[in-house]
Amino acid sequence: LICKPPLPYACGALIGLAQISYEQNKLKTAERYNLQSLKLAQQLENLDTPILCHLLFAHLSVSRGDLTGAGEAIRSAEHYARQHEISYRFPDIANAKVKFYIQQGMIEKVVEVTKNIELPLVDARISIAKGDAAEALASLEPILEEMREKSWVAEMFKVLLLQARAYLMLGEKRQAEKVLEDALVLAKPGNLIRSFIDEGPEIA
């Protein structure tokens, strides 16, 4: 039996497998799928797949403690998006930049990134980075209510993780555990693991 190499359009399936593997904390598998996806996507034109691949490489680099590699991957994603005018991926790139700069304590860079683009959770992330947990909770509550009304489960999950971080900062461990239990209910169907780890050691 001769196995044919995958066609270029398989890049979409491969980036999906890479993202799933990353969330399940199977980092080597995620990296392998991601590299295969990027190689195939580069044979096609005007796809957003290379952007997603570069952003996932950024996450993988951070997981290894390689902030230099993460910065390069984010720049590659942005360069490709601008070169091919794929503007609908700018918020994803901006979100990656925000997390990257916050990890390094570069809050002024975060403000610069978000000057012309609206990212709902950025204010809460900045407040947490500055140690103002109460302000973070105040900004998160209306967002959570909106996400519940719209039944946007993925966005609700992100809000709950940030709420848990804020409650831990305030020393309200029981409330943090309650919020995390709600997050776990949402995470279980997709076996989401990495999202917890990426929010820091206390959440992990």
Protein backbone atom coordinates (compact mmCIF):
# COMPACT_ATOMS: atom_id res chain seq x y z
CA LEU A 1 0.00 0.00 0.00
CA ILE A 2 1.46 3.34 -1.09
CA CYS A 3 0.51 6.28 1.14
CA LYS A 4 0.19 9.54 -0.75
CA PRO A 5 1.33 12.75 0.97
CA PRO A 6 -1.54 14.96 2.18
CA LEU A 7 -2.87 17.58 -0.21
CA PRO A 8 -2.21 21.24 0.65
CA TYR A 9 -5.82 21.81 1.73
CA ALA A 10 -5.26 19.30 4.54
CA CYS A 11 -3.54 22.18 6.34
CA GLY A 12 -6.92 23.18 7.79
CA ALA A 13 -7.47 19.80 9.39
CA LEU A 14 -3.88 19.68 10.65
CA ILE A 15 -4.04 23.08 12.39
CA GLY A 16 -7.27 21.90 14.01
CA LEU A 17 -5.52 18.77 15.29
CA ALA A 18 -2.61 20.91 16.46
CA GLN A 19 -4.91 23.22 18.43
CA ILE A 20 -6.76 20.29 20.00
CA SER A 21 -3.47 18.61 20.94
CA TYR A 22 -2.19 21.85 22.48
CA GLU A 23 -5.32 22.25 24.60
CA GLN A 24 -4.96 18.65 25.77
CA ASN A 25 -1.37 19.52 26.76
CA LYS A 26 0.14 17.16 24.19
CA LEU A 27 2.75 19.69 23.19
CA LYS A 28 5.04 17.55 21.01
CA THR A 29 2.06 16.27 19.04
CA ALA A 30 0.75 19.82 18.67
CA GLU A 31 4.11 21.02 17.37
CA ARG A 32 4.30 18.19 14.84
CA TYR A 33 0.81 18.83 13.45
CA ASN A 34 1.42 22.58 13.44
CA LEU A 35 4.61 22.28 11.43
CA GLN A 36 2.92 19.97 8.91
CA SER A 37 0.02 22.43 8.59
CA LEU A 38 2.31 25.40 8.00
CA LYS A 39 4.32 23.58 5.33
CA LEU A 40 1.16 22.65 3.42
CA ALA A 41 -0.46 26.08 3.87
CA GLN A 42 2.58 27.77 2.34
CA GLN A 43 1.76 26.02 -0.94
CA LEU A 44 -1.54 27.89 -1.15
CA GLU A 45 -2.41 31.59 -1.35
CA ASN A 46 -4.37 33.94 0.90
CA LEU A 47 -5.30 31.43 3.59
CA ASP A 48 -5.38 32.44 7.23
CA THR A 49 -3.91 29.08 8.29
CA PRO A 50 -0.29 30.34 8.45
CA ILE A 51 -1.41 33.03 10.89
CA LEU A 52 -2.99 30.43 13.15
CA CYS A 53 0.14 28.28 12.87
CA HIS A 54 2.47 31.13 13.85
CA LEU A 55 0.24 32.06 16.81
CA LEU A 56 0.24 28.46 18.01
CA PHE A 57 4.03 28.38 17.66
CA ALA A 58 4.04 31.44 19.94
CA HIS A 59 2.06 29.54 22.59
CA LEU A 60 4.35 26.54 22.25
CA SER A 61 7.42 28.75 22.62
CA VAL A 62 6.02 30.32 25.81
CA SER A 63 5.34 26.84 27.19
CA ARG A 64 9.10 26.16 26.82
CA GLY A 65 10.04 29.50 28.37
CA ASP A 66 11.27 30.77 24.99
CA LEU A 67 9.94 34.33 24.92
CA THR A 68 12.27 35.28 22.06
CA GLY A 69 10.78 32.54 19.90
CA ALA A 70 7.27 33.58 20.93
CA GLY A 71 7.93 37.18 19.88
CA GLU A 72 9.28 36.08 16.51
CA ALA A 73 6.24 33.86 15.91
CA ILE A 74 3.82 36.69 16.71
CA ARG A 75 5.71 39.02 14.35
CA SER A 76 5.52 36.37 11.62
CA ALA A 77 1.75 36.08 12.13
CA GLU A 78 1.33 39.85 11.92
CA HIS A 79 3.56 40.18 8.85
CA TYR A 80 1.60 37.50 7.00
CA ALA A 81 -1.77 39.03 7.97
CA ARG A 82 -0.74 42.48 6.76
CA GLN A 83 0.95 41.18 3.62
CA HIS A 84 -2.20 39.28 2.60
CA GLU A 85 -4.65 41.82 4.08
CA ILE A 86 -6.34 39.28 6.35
CA SER A 87 -7.70 41.89 8.73
CA TYR A 88 -10.21 39.64 10.52
CA ARG A 89 -7.26 37.92 12.23
CA PHE A 90 -5.90 41.18 13.69
CA PRO A 91 -7.80 40.68 17.00
CA ASP A 92 -6.23 37.21 17.42
CA ILE A 93 -2.79 38.68 16.84
CA ALA A 94 -3.50 41.55 19.23
CA ASN A 95 -4.62 39.10 21.92
CA ALA A 96 -1.38 37.16 21.51
CA LYS A 97 0.59 40.40 21.83
CA VAL A 98 -1.31 41.40 24.96
CA LYS A 99 -0.54 38.13 26.74
CA PHE A 100 3.08 38.27 25.55
CA TYR A 101 3.64 41.82 26.83
CA ILE A 102 1.84 41.21 30.13
CA GLN A 103 4.08 38.22 30.80
CA GLN A 104 7.02 40.61 30.57
CA GLY A 105 5.37 43.36 32.60
CA MET A 106 5.27 45.70 29.59
CA ILE A 107 1.89 47.29 30.31
CA GLU A 108 2.62 50.38 28.19
CA LYS A 109 2.99 48.10 25.16
CA VAL A 110 -0.40 46.53 25.94
CA VAL A 111 -2.04 49.96 25.93
CA GLU A 112 -0.36 50.71 22.61
CA VAL A 113 -1.58 47.46 21.05
CA THR A 114 -5.18 47.99 22.11
CA LYS A 115 -5.39 51.68 21.19
CA ASN A 116 -7.19 51.01 17.90
CA ILE A 117 -8.73 47.59 18.53
CA GLU A 118 -11.32 46.47 21.05
CA LEU A 119 -10.49 43.36 23.08
CA PRO A 120 -13.08 42.71 25.83
CA LEU A 121 -10.81 41.01 28.38
CA VAL A 122 -7.79 43.30 28.10
CA ASP A 123 -8.86 45.73 30.84
CA ALA A 124 -9.20 42.84 33.28
CA ARG A 125 -5.80 41.43 32.30
CA ILE A 126 -4.19 44.84 32.79
CA SER A 127 -5.88 45.23 36.21
CA ILE A 128 -4.65 41.79 37.28
CA ALA A 129 -1.14 42.60 36.07
CA LYS A 130 -1.23 45.79 38.15
CA GLY A 131 -2.50 43.89 41.20
CA ASP A 132 -5.95 45.49 41.16
CA ALA A 133 -8.14 42.39 41.45
CA ALA A 134 -11.27 44.30 42.49
CA GLU A 135 -11.10 46.43 39.34
CA ALA A 136 -10.63 43.27 37.27
CA LEU A 137 -13.76 41.67 38.77
CA ALA A 138 -15.77 44.82 38.17
CA SER A 139 -14.86 44.81 34.47
CA LEU A 140 -15.44 41.06 34.07
CA GLU A 141 -18.94 40.81 35.55
CA PRO A 142 -20.84 42.60 32.74
CA ILE A 143 -18.83 40.67 30.14
CA LEU A 144 -19.79 37.35 31.76
CA GLU A 145 -23.47 38.33 31.81
CA GLU A 146 -23.33 39.25 28.13
CA MET A 147 -21.62 35.97 27.24
CA ARG A 148 -24.25 34.02 29.20
CA GLU A 149 -27.08 35.80 27.39
CA LYS A 150 -25.49 34.98 24.05
CA SER A 151 -24.57 31.42 25.15
CA TRP A 152 -20.98 31.99 24.03
CA VAL A 153 -19.47 29.15 26.02
CA ALA A 154 -15.86 29.59 24.88
CA GLU A 155 -15.89 33.26 25.92
CA MET A 156 -17.59 32.46 29.23
CA PHE A 157 -14.78 29.99 29.94
CA LYS A 158 -12.11 32.67 29.40
CA VAL A 159 -13.91 35.09 31.70
CA LEU A 160 -14.24 32.49 34.46
CA LEU A 161 -10.49 31.78 34.40
CA LEU A 162 -9.72 35.47 34.86
CA GLN A 163 -12.31 35.76 37.62
CA ALA A 164 -10.66 32.87 39.45
CA ARG A 165 -7.29 34.62 39.23
CA ALA A 166 -8.76 37.81 40.62
CA TYR A 167 -10.47 36.05 43.54
CA LEU A 168 -7.21 34.28 44.40
CA MET A 169 -5.41 37.63 44.43
CA LEU A 170 -8.01 38.90 46.90
CA GLY A 171 -7.48 35.84 49.10
CA GLU A 172 -11.02 34.59 48.42
CA LYS A 173 -10.03 30.97 47.83
CA ARG A 174 -13.52 29.46 48.21
CA GLN A 175 -15.00 31.82 45.65
CA ALA A 176 -12.06 31.13 43.31
CA GLU A 177 -12.66 27.39 43.66
CA LYS A 178 -16.37 27.84 42.91
CA VAL A 179 -15.60 29.80 39.76
CA LEU A 180 -13.02 27.22 38.71
CA GLU A 181 -15.59 24.45 39.17
CA ASP A 182 -17.86 26.30 36.73
CA ALA A 183 -14.91 26.61 34.33
CA LEU A 184 -14.17 22.89 34.64
CA VAL A 185 -17.75 22.04 33.66
CA LEU A 186 -17.28 24.03 30.45
CA ALA A 187 -13.80 22.59 29.86
CA LYS A 188 -14.68 18.93 30.30
CA PRO A 189 -16.37 18.23 26.90
CA GLY A 190 -13.28 19.46 25.03
CA ASN A 191 -10.81 18.07 27.55
CA LEU A 192 -9.32 21.56 27.89
CA ILE A 193 -6.19 21.51 30.04
CA ARG A 194 -3.72 23.99 28.65
CA SER A 195 -6.00 27.02 29.13
CA PHE A 196 -5.75 26.48 32.90
CA ILE A 197 -1.97 26.05 32.79
CA ASP A 198 -1.48 29.15 30.64
CA GLU A 199 -3.22 31.32 33.25
CA GLY A 200 -0.40 30.67 35.71
CA PRO A 201 0.68 28.21 38.43
CA GLU A 202 -2.11 28.99 40.91
CA ILE A 203 -4.84 28.27 38.36
CA ALA A 204 -2.95 25.24 37.04
